[in-house]
């Protein structure tokens, strides 16, 4: 048997991703696009960071809903931080916080995943 290493998912890390919402919402009913976009962002963060507990920032929610329920932005740049849960009676010891990242003037295309170095 191969021993599983749990060390990688246990560390606290922050990364920036570009999420292509357009391909994730293709064929979705107009009146369900923005709620589905939030669910897809949660699903993306869950897969990328390996945590069940995903918290979406208010500013990110406003960014997705900024053009209404139907006209969701095609791509969105997010910063996902895996953090320790301070609550003692929490089920998960780590959670992911998804916030909106600043968009460079050149646009979002071609930007890869970027690891952010924390000072704390």
Protein backbone atom coordinates (compact mmCIF):
# COMPACT_ATOMS: atom_id res chain seq x y z
CA UNK A 1 0.00 0.00 0.00
CA UNK A 2 1.11 3.52 -0.73
CA UNK A 3 0.89 5.87 2.22
CA UNK A 4 -1.15 8.98 1.56
CA UNK A 5 0.52 12.26 2.36
CA UNK A 6 -1.79 14.85 3.90
CA UNK A 7 0.88 17.53 4.28
CA UNK A 8 0.13 19.43 1.08
CA UNK A 9 -3.52 20.15 1.79
CA UNK A 10 -2.82 21.14 5.40
CA UNK A 11 -0.76 24.22 4.65
CA UNK A 12 -2.13 27.76 4.58
CA UNK A 13 -1.75 29.22 1.08
CA UNK A 14 -3.17 31.98 -1.14
CA UNK A 15 -3.47 31.73 -4.92
CA UNK A 16 -4.97 33.82 -7.72
CA UNK A 17 -7.02 32.13 -10.42
CA UNK A 18 -8.95 33.22 -13.50
CA UNK A 19 -12.29 31.43 -13.62
CA UNK A 20 -13.97 31.19 -17.02
CA UNK A 21 -17.62 31.49 -16.03
CA UNK A 22 -18.76 31.55 -19.65
CA UNK A 23 -18.04 27.87 -20.26
CA UNK A 24 -19.44 26.89 -16.85
CA UNK A 25 -22.75 28.70 -17.46
CA UNK A 26 -23.25 27.72 -21.13
CA UNK A 27 -26.84 26.64 -21.71
CA UNK A 28 -27.98 27.90 -18.32
CA UNK A 29 -31.39 29.58 -18.03
CA UNK A 30 -31.11 33.39 -17.95
CA UNK A 31 -32.80 33.78 -14.59
CA UNK A 32 -30.46 31.24 -12.97
CA UNK A 33 -27.12 32.51 -14.32
CA UNK A 34 -25.84 34.63 -11.39
CA UNK A 35 -26.84 32.11 -8.66
CA UNK A 36 -25.28 29.30 -10.71
CA UNK A 37 -22.11 31.40 -11.17
CA UNK A 38 -21.73 31.68 -7.38
CA UNK A 39 -22.24 27.92 -7.04
CA UNK A 40 -19.63 27.28 -9.75
CA UNK A 41 -17.12 29.58 -8.00
CA UNK A 42 -17.71 27.62 -4.77
CA UNK A 43 -17.22 24.33 -6.62
CA UNK A 44 -14.01 25.61 -8.25
CA UNK A 45 -12.59 26.75 -4.89
CA UNK A 46 -13.54 23.45 -3.28
CA UNK A 47 -11.67 21.50 -5.95
CA UNK A 48 -8.65 23.83 -6.11
CA UNK A 49 -8.08 24.07 -2.35
CA UNK A 50 -9.47 20.74 -1.16
CA UNK A 51 -11.71 22.23 1.54
CA UNK A 52 -15.42 21.65 2.01
CA UNK A 53 -15.98 25.00 3.76
CA UNK A 54 -15.87 27.78 1.12
CA UNK A 55 -16.74 31.38 2.01
CA UNK A 56 -17.51 33.88 -0.77
CA UNK A 57 -16.68 37.55 -0.10
CA UNK A 58 -19.41 40.20 -0.37
CA UNK A 59 -17.41 42.16 -2.99
CA UNK A 60 -17.09 39.06 -5.20
CA UNK A 61 -20.84 38.51 -4.94
CA UNK A 62 -21.43 42.16 -5.93
CA UNK A 63 -19.01 41.78 -8.88
CA UNK A 64 -20.87 38.73 -10.21
CA UNK A 65 -24.27 40.40 -9.76
CA UNK A 66 -23.10 43.86 -11.00
CA UNK A 67 -24.67 43.51 -14.46
CA UNK A 68 -27.81 41.75 -13.27
CA UNK A 69 -28.92 38.14 -13.07
CA UNK A 70 -28.51 37.45 -16.81
CA UNK A 71 -25.29 39.22 -17.87
CA UNK A 72 -22.68 37.54 -15.71
CA UNK A 73 -19.03 38.47 -16.54
CA UNK A 74 -17.38 35.95 -18.88
CA UNK A 75 -14.19 35.66 -16.82
CA UNK A 76 -13.45 36.66 -13.26
CA UNK A 77 -10.12 36.90 -11.43
CA UNK A 78 -10.34 35.55 -7.87
CA UNK A 79 -7.96 35.19 -4.96
CA UNK A 80 -8.54 32.00 -2.97
CA UNK A 81 -6.95 31.77 0.48
CA UNK A 82 -6.85 28.55 2.47
CA UNK A 83 -6.97 29.54 6.15
CA UNK A 84 -7.12 27.93 9.56
CA UNK A 85 -10.51 27.80 11.26
CA UNK A 86 -10.34 29.63 14.61
CA UNK A 87 -13.68 28.24 15.80
CA UNK A 88 -13.04 25.32 18.18
CA UNK A 89 -16.24 23.39 17.42
CA UNK A 90 -15.87 23.61 13.61
CA UNK A 91 -16.09 20.41 11.59
CA UNK A 92 -13.27 21.39 9.21
CA UNK A 93 -9.92 22.72 10.44
CA UNK A 94 -9.35 24.70 7.22
CA UNK A 95 -11.63 26.90 5.13
CA UNK A 96 -11.28 28.72 1.81
CA UNK A 97 -11.99 32.43 1.46
CA UNK A 98 -12.73 33.57 -2.11
CA UNK A 99 -12.26 37.29 -2.83
CA UNK A 100 -12.15 39.30 -6.03
CA UNK A 101 -8.66 40.17 -7.32
CA UNK A 102 -7.68 43.37 -9.10
CA UNK A 103 -7.93 43.11 -12.88
CA UNK A 104 -4.83 44.24 -14.83
CA UNK A 105 -5.38 46.83 -17.60
CA UNK A 106 -4.26 44.34 -20.29
CA UNK A 107 -7.19 42.04 -19.51
CA UNK A 108 -7.62 38.57 -18.08
CA UNK A 109 -6.57 36.41 -21.02
CA UNK A 110 -3.31 34.55 -20.64
CA UNK A 111 -3.00 35.05 -16.88
CA UNK A 112 -2.10 31.84 -15.12
CA UNK A 113 -2.36 30.73 -11.54
CA UNK A 114 -0.24 32.90 -9.27
CA UNK A 115 0.82 32.03 -5.71
CA UNK A 116 0.62 35.00 -3.35
CA UNK A 117 3.23 35.24 -0.59
CA UNK A 118 1.67 36.24 2.76
CA UNK A 119 3.50 38.39 5.30
CA UNK A 120 1.64 36.99 8.32
